[in-house]
Amino acid sequence: MFILDDLMMAPWRFFYFVVEKIHDQAMAELLDESVITRQLLEAQIRYDMGEIDDEEYGKIEEVLINRLHTARELKLQLAEEESENLDESEYGVIETDNLEEDEDEYEEIEDSEEIEVNFAGFMED
């Protein structure tokens, strides 16, 4: 039964895999600030060489600067979402609800008589 399920789901899994890879590549290109700054530098060089006029350079610069701001905002947003989505149990978060009770138990142990342990049996050669 599981083999039949796997065979029936294979096209959908492949489709999901392809879409996921396209999404990852698009996000990488969108968030890559170095590409945007390189394009901005290329536009400035073209303007300095006289290949484009002031108006065209202004349009290109405005679009690229907006893309740069969008990329930075999206990076911040993704970082915030990632930090919110951390699974607390995965990182061993200690619950502090019973912290006062734990401190009381520690004080009781600390106030009790010292326990003498005979290590002579462990030290035999």
N, C-alpha and C. Protein backbone atom coordinates (compact mmCIF):
# COMPACT_ATOMS: atom_id res chain seq x y z
N MET A 1 0.81 -1.18 0.00
CA MET A 1 0.00 0.00 0.00
C MET A 1 0.87 1.26 0.00
N PHE A 2 1.97 1.23 0.75
CA PHE A 2 2.83 2.40 0.83
C PHE A 2 3.55 2.65 -0.49
N ILE A 3 3.88 1.61 -1.21
CA ILE A 3 4.55 1.77 -2.51
C ILE A 3 3.60 2.47 -3.48
N LEU A 4 2.35 2.07 -3.47
CA LEU A 4 1.36 2.70 -4.34
C LEU A 4 1.18 4.18 -3.98
N ASP A 5 1.16 4.46 -2.68
CA ASP A 5 1.06 5.85 -2.24
C ASP A 5 2.25 6.66 -2.72
N ASP A 6 3.45 6.09 -2.58
CA ASP A 6 4.66 6.78 -3.02
C ASP A 6 4.63 7.05 -4.52
N LEU A 7 4.17 6.07 -5.29
CA LEU A 7 4.10 6.25 -6.75
C LEU A 7 3.08 7.32 -7.14
N MET A 8 1.98 7.36 -6.43
CA MET A 8 0.95 8.35 -6.75
C MET A 8 1.39 9.76 -6.35
N MET A 9 2.17 9.86 -5.30
CA MET A 9 2.60 11.18 -4.82
C MET A 9 3.88 11.67 -5.48
N ALA A 10 4.59 10.84 -6.20
CA ALA A 10 5.87 11.21 -6.80
C ALA A 10 5.78 12.43 -7.70
N PRO A 11 4.81 12.55 -8.60
CA PRO A 11 4.74 13.75 -9.43
C PRO A 11 4.54 15.03 -8.62
N TRP A 12 3.72 14.94 -7.56
CA TRP A 12 3.49 16.12 -6.74
C TRP A 12 4.73 16.49 -5.94
N ARG A 13 5.44 15.51 -5.47
CA ARG A 13 6.68 15.78 -4.73
C ARG A 13 7.72 16.41 -5.64
N PHE A 14 7.81 15.92 -6.88
CA PHE A 14 8.74 16.50 -7.82
C PHE A 14 8.34 17.94 -8.15
N PHE A 15 7.06 18.18 -8.36
CA PHE A 15 6.58 19.52 -8.63
C PHE A 15 6.90 20.45 -7.45
N TYR A 16 6.65 20.00 -6.24
CA TYR A 16 6.96 20.79 -5.04
C TYR A 16 8.46 21.06 -4.95
N PHE A 17 9.27 20.06 -5.25
CA PHE A 17 10.72 20.22 -5.22
C PHE A 17 11.16 21.30 -6.20
N VAL A 18 10.63 21.26 -7.42
CA VAL A 18 11.01 22.25 -8.44
C VAL A 18 10.56 23.64 -8.02
N VAL A 19 9.34 23.77 -7.55
CA VAL A 19 8.84 25.08 -7.12
C VAL A 19 9.66 25.61 -5.96
N GLU A 20 10.02 24.74 -5.03
CA GLU A 20 10.82 25.16 -3.88
C GLU A 20 12.20 25.66 -4.33
N LYS A 21 12.82 24.98 -5.29
CA LYS A 21 14.13 25.39 -5.79
C LYS A 21 14.03 26.72 -6.52
N ILE A 22 12.97 26.92 -7.30
CA ILE A 22 12.79 28.20 -8.00
C ILE A 22 12.58 29.32 -6.98
N HIS A 23 11.80 29.05 -5.95
CA HIS A 23 11.58 30.05 -4.90
C HIS A 23 12.89 30.40 -4.19
N ASP A 24 13.67 29.39 -3.84
CA ASP A 24 14.94 29.63 -3.16
C ASP A 24 15.88 30.48 -4.02
N GLN A 25 15.95 30.17 -5.32
CA GLN A 25 16.81 30.92 -6.23
C GLN A 25 16.33 32.37 -6.38
N ALA A 26 15.02 32.55 -6.49
CA ALA A 26 14.47 33.90 -6.62
C ALA A 26 14.74 34.72 -5.36
N MET A 27 14.58 34.12 -4.20
CA MET A 27 14.86 34.83 -2.95
C MET A 27 16.34 35.17 -2.82
N ALA A 28 17.19 34.27 -3.25
CA ALA A 28 18.63 34.55 -3.20
C ALA A 28 18.99 35.73 -4.09
N GLU A 29 18.41 35.78 -5.28
CA GLU A 29 18.69 36.90 -6.19
C GLU A 29 18.08 38.19 -5.66
N LEU A 30 16.90 38.11 -5.07
CA LEU A 30 16.24 39.29 -4.55
C LEU A 30 17.00 39.88 -3.37
N LEU A 31 17.56 39.02 -2.53
CA LEU A 31 18.23 39.48 -1.31
C LEU A 31 19.72 39.77 -1.50
N ASP A 32 20.25 39.50 -2.68
CA ASP A 32 21.68 39.70 -2.93
C ASP A 32 21.96 41.17 -3.19
N GLU A 33 22.44 41.87 -2.18
CA GLU A 33 22.71 43.30 -2.30
C GLU A 33 23.89 43.58 -3.23
N SER A 34 24.81 42.66 -3.34
CA SER A 34 25.98 42.90 -4.18
C SER A 34 25.59 43.02 -5.65
N VAL A 35 24.60 42.26 -6.08
CA VAL A 35 24.13 42.36 -7.47
C VAL A 35 23.52 43.74 -7.72
N ILE A 36 22.72 44.20 -6.78
CA ILE A 36 22.06 45.50 -6.93
C ILE A 36 23.09 46.62 -6.94
N THR A 37 24.06 46.57 -6.03
CA THR A 37 25.08 47.62 -6.00
C THR A 37 25.95 47.58 -7.25
N ARG A 38 26.20 46.38 -7.79
CA ARG A 38 26.97 46.27 -9.04
C ARG A 38 26.20 46.90 -10.19
N GLN A 39 24.88 46.65 -10.25
CA GLN A 39 24.06 47.25 -11.30
C GLN A 39 24.02 48.77 -11.16
N LEU A 40 23.99 49.26 -9.94
CA LEU A 40 24.00 50.70 -9.70
C LEU A 40 25.33 51.30 -10.15
N LEU A 41 26.42 50.62 -9.87
CA LEU A 41 27.74 51.08 -10.30
C LEU A 41 27.86 51.07 -11.82
N GLU A 42 27.31 50.02 -12.44
CA GLU A 42 27.34 49.95 -13.91
C GLU A 42 26.54 51.09 -14.53
N ALA A 43 25.41 51.42 -13.94
CA ALA A 43 24.60 52.54 -14.44
C ALA A 43 25.35 53.85 -14.29
N GLN A 44 26.07 54.01 -13.19
CA GLN A 44 26.84 55.23 -12.98
C GLN A 44 27.97 55.32 -13.99
N ILE A 45 28.63 54.23 -14.28
CA ILE A 45 29.72 54.22 -15.27
C ILE A 45 29.17 54.56 -16.65
N ARG A 46 28.01 53.98 -16.99
CA ARG A 46 27.39 54.29 -18.28
C ARG A 46 27.01 55.77 -18.37
N TYR A 47 26.55 56.32 -17.27
CA TYR A 47 26.21 57.75 -17.24
C TYR A 47 27.46 58.60 -17.40
N ASP A 48 28.53 58.25 -16.68
CA ASP A 48 29.79 58.99 -16.77
C ASP A 48 30.38 58.93 -18.17
N MET A 49 30.18 57.81 -18.87
CA MET A 49 30.71 57.65 -20.22
C MET A 49 29.81 58.31 -21.26
N GLY A 50 28.63 58.76 -20.87
CA GLY A 50 27.72 59.44 -21.78
C GLY A 50 26.80 58.51 -22.54
N GLU A 51 26.73 57.25 -22.16
CA GLU A 51 25.86 56.30 -22.85
C GLU A 51 24.39 56.52 -22.52
N ILE A 52 24.11 57.04 -21.32
CA ILE A 52 22.74 57.34 -20.93
C ILE A 52 22.67 58.78 -20.43
N ASP A 53 21.50 59.39 -20.56
CA ASP A 53 21.35 60.77 -20.12
C ASP A 53 20.89 60.85 -18.66
N ASP A 54 20.73 62.08 -18.17
CA ASP A 54 20.35 62.30 -16.76
C ASP A 54 19.03 61.64 -16.41
N GLU A 55 18.06 61.78 -17.27
CA GLU A 55 16.73 61.25 -16.99
C GLU A 55 16.74 59.73 -16.87
N GLU A 56 17.39 59.07 -17.80
CA GLU A 56 17.45 57.61 -17.77
C GLU A 56 18.25 57.12 -16.57
N TYR A 57 19.36 57.81 -16.27
CA TYR A 57 20.16 57.44 -15.11
C TYR A 57 19.35 57.60 -13.82
N GLY A 58 18.57 58.67 -13.72
CA GLY A 58 17.74 58.91 -12.54
C GLY A 58 16.71 57.81 -12.34
N LYS A 59 16.09 57.37 -13.44
CA LYS A 59 15.10 56.28 -13.35
C LYS A 59 15.75 54.98 -12.89
N ILE A 60 16.91 54.67 -13.50
CA ILE A 60 17.61 53.43 -13.14
C ILE A 60 18.05 53.49 -11.68
N GLU A 61 18.60 54.61 -11.27
CA GLU A 61 19.07 54.77 -9.90
C GLU A 61 17.92 54.63 -8.90
N GLU A 62 16.78 55.24 -9.20
CA GLU A 62 15.62 55.16 -8.31
C GLU A 62 15.13 53.72 -8.16
N VAL A 63 15.05 53.00 -9.26
CA VAL A 63 14.60 51.61 -9.22
C VAL A 63 15.57 50.75 -8.41
N LEU A 64 16.86 50.93 -8.66
CA LEU A 64 17.85 50.10 -7.97
C LEU A 64 17.93 50.42 -6.47
N ILE A 65 17.81 51.68 -6.12
CA ILE A 65 17.84 52.05 -4.71
C ILE A 65 16.60 51.50 -3.99
N ASN A 66 15.45 51.55 -4.67
CA ASN A 66 14.24 50.96 -4.08
C ASN A 66 14.41 49.46 -3.89
N ARG A 67 15.02 48.78 -4.86
CA ARG A 67 15.27 47.34 -4.73
C ARG A 67 16.22 47.06 -3.56
N LEU A 68 17.22 47.91 -3.40
CA LEU A 68 18.18 47.74 -2.30
C LEU A 68 17.48 47.90 -0.95
N HIS A 69 16.65 48.90 -0.82
CA HIS A 69 15.90 49.09 0.43
C HIS A 69 14.95 47.92 0.68
N THR A 70 14.29 47.46 -0.37
CA THR A 70 13.37 46.33 -0.23
C THR A 70 14.12 45.07 0.21
N ALA A 71 15.29 44.85 -0.37
CA ALA A 71 16.09 43.67 -0.01
C ALA A 71 16.49 43.73 1.47
N ARG A 72 16.90 44.89 1.92
CA ARG A 72 17.32 45.03 3.32
C ARG A 72 16.13 44.85 4.27
N GLU A 73 14.98 45.43 3.92
CA GLU A 73 13.79 45.26 4.75
C GLU A 73 13.35 43.81 4.79
N LEU A 74 13.40 43.14 3.65
CA LEU A 74 13.00 41.73 3.59
C LEU A 74 13.95 40.85 4.40
N LYS A 75 15.24 41.16 4.36
CA LYS A 75 16.20 40.40 5.18
C LYS A 75 15.88 40.56 6.67
N LEU A 76 15.60 41.79 7.08
CA LEU A 76 15.25 42.02 8.49
C LEU A 76 13.97 41.29 8.86
N GLN A 77 12.98 41.33 7.99
CA GLN A 77 11.71 40.67 8.25
C GLN A 77 11.90 39.16 8.35
N LEU A 78 12.68 38.58 7.45
CA LEU A 78 12.93 37.14 7.49
C LEU A 78 13.70 36.75 8.74
N ALA A 79 14.65 37.59 9.16
CA ALA A 79 15.41 37.29 10.38
C ALA A 79 14.50 37.33 11.61
N GLU A 80 13.59 38.30 11.65
CA GLU A 80 12.65 38.38 12.77
C GLU A 80 11.72 37.18 12.80
N GLU A 81 11.22 36.79 11.63
CA GLU A 81 10.33 35.63 11.57
C GLU A 81 11.05 34.35 11.98
N GLU A 82 12.30 34.24 11.57
CA GLU A 82 13.08 33.05 11.92
C GLU A 82 13.32 32.98 13.42
N SER A 83 13.61 34.12 14.03
CA SER A 83 13.84 34.10 15.48
C SER A 83 12.56 33.81 16.24
N GLU A 84 11.40 34.23 15.71
CA GLU A 84 10.13 33.94 16.37
C GLU A 84 9.74 32.47 16.23
N ASN A 85 10.17 31.84 15.16
CA ASN A 85 9.75 30.47 14.87
C ASN A 85 10.68 29.42 15.46
N LEU A 86 11.65 29.81 16.25
CA LEU A 86 12.54 28.82 16.85
C LEU A 86 11.75 27.92 17.79
N ASP A 87 12.00 26.65 17.68
CA ASP A 87 11.32 25.69 18.53
C ASP A 87 12.04 25.66 19.87
N GLU A 88 11.33 26.09 20.91
CA GLU A 88 11.96 26.20 22.23
C GLU A 88 12.42 24.85 22.75
N SER A 89 11.68 23.81 22.49
CA SER A 89 12.07 22.50 23.00
C SER A 89 13.35 22.00 22.35
N GLU A 90 13.62 22.43 21.15
CA GLU A 90 14.83 22.02 20.45
C GLU A 90 16.08 22.58 21.12
N TYR A 91 15.94 23.73 21.76
CA TYR A 91 17.09 24.38 22.37
C TYR A 91 17.13 24.22 23.88
N GLY A 92 16.30 23.38 24.43
CA GLY A 92 16.35 23.06 25.85
C GLY A 92 16.04 24.24 26.74
N VAL A 93 14.98 24.95 26.48
CA VAL A 93 14.61 26.09 27.29
C VAL A 93 14.17 25.60 28.66
N ILE A 94 14.67 26.25 29.69
CA ILE A 94 14.33 25.88 31.05
C ILE A 94 13.15 26.71 31.49
N GLU A 95 12.12 26.04 31.97
CA GLU A 95 10.96 26.77 32.45
C GLU A 95 11.29 27.37 33.80
N THR A 96 10.89 28.62 34.00
CA THR A 96 11.21 29.32 35.24
C THR A 96 9.99 29.49 36.13
N ASP A 97 8.90 28.76 35.86
CA ASP A 97 7.70 28.89 36.67
C ASP A 97 7.95 28.44 38.11
N ASN A 98 8.72 27.40 38.30
CA ASN A 98 8.95 26.84 39.63
C ASN A 98 10.32 27.25 40.18
N LEU A 99 10.80 28.39 39.77
CA LEU A 99 12.13 28.81 40.16
C LEU A 99 12.23 29.04 41.66
N GLU A 100 11.20 29.63 42.26
CA GLU A 100 11.23 29.88 43.70
C GLU A 100 11.25 28.57 44.48
N GLU A 101 10.49 27.57 44.03
CA GLU A 101 10.49 26.27 44.69
C GLU A 101 11.86 25.62 44.59
N ASP A 102 12.51 25.74 43.43
CA ASP A 102 13.83 25.16 43.26
C ASP A 102 14.84 25.84 44.18
N GLU A 103 14.73 27.16 44.36
CA GLU A 103 15.64 27.87 45.25
C GLU A 103 15.45 27.42 46.69
N ASP A 104 14.18 27.20 47.08
CA ASP A 104 13.90 26.74 48.44
C ASP A 104 14.51 25.37 48.68
N GLU A 105 14.39 24.47 47.69
CA GLU A 105 14.97 23.13 47.82
C GLU A 105 16.49 23.22 47.92
N TYR A 106 17.10 24.11 47.16
CA TYR A 106 18.55 24.27 47.19
C TYR A 106 19.00 24.77 48.56
N GLU A 107 18.24 25.72 49.14
CA GLU A 107 18.59 26.23 50.46
C GLU A 107 18.46 25.14 51.51
N GLU A 108 17.44 24.26 51.42
CA GLU A 108 17.28 23.17 52.37
C GLU A 108 18.46 22.22 52.30
N ILE A 109 18.91 21.92 51.11
CA ILE A 109 20.06 21.03 50.96
C ILE A 109 21.31 21.71 51.50
N GLU A 110 21.45 23.00 51.23
CA GLU A 110 22.61 23.74 51.67
C GLU A 110 22.66 23.82 53.20
N ASP A 111 21.49 23.97 53.85
CA ASP A 111 21.41 24.11 55.30
C ASP A 111 21.54 22.77 56.03
N SER A 112 21.32 21.67 55.36
CA SER A 112 21.37 20.37 56.01
C SER A 112 22.81 19.99 56.36
N GLU A 113 22.94 18.99 57.21
CA GLU A 113 24.27 18.55 57.63
C GLU A 113 25.02 17.98 56.43
N GLU A 114 26.31 18.14 56.48
CA GLU A 114 27.13 17.59 55.41
C GLU A 114 27.13 16.08 55.49
N ILE A 115 27.12 15.45 54.36
CA ILE A 115 27.12 14.00 54.30
C ILE A 115 28.55 13.55 54.04
N GLU A 116 29.03 12.67 54.92
CA GLU A 116 30.38 12.17 54.73
C GLU A 116 30.33 10.93 53.86
N VAL A 117 31.23 10.90 52.89
CA VAL A 117 31.27 9.78 51.97
C VAL A 117 32.62 9.11 52.13
N ASN A 118 32.59 7.80 52.25
CA ASN A 118 33.81 7.05 52.40
C ASN A 118 34.25 6.58 51.02
N PHE A 119 35.33 7.15 50.52
CA PHE A 119 35.84 6.80 49.21
C PHE A 119 36.93 5.73 49.29
N ALA A 120 37.13 5.17 50.45
CA ALA A 120 38.21 4.20 50.62
C ALA A 120 38.02 3.00 49.72
N GLY A 121 36.78 2.58 49.51
CA GLY A 121 36.51 1.41 48.68
C GLY A 121 36.81 1.66 47.20
N PHE A 122 36.74 2.90 46.80
CA PHE A 122 36.98 3.25 45.40
C PHE A 122 38.46 3.47 45.09
N MET A 123 39.25 3.70 46.10
CA MET A 123 40.65 4.07 45.90
C MET A 123 41.58 2.86 45.97
N GLU A 124 41.06 1.67 46.13
CA GLU A 124 41.92 0.49 46.24
C GLU A 124 42.63 0.22 44.93
N ASP A 125 43.89 -0.13 45.03
CA ASP A 125 44.69 -0.44 43.84
C ASP A 125 44.76 -1.90 43.58
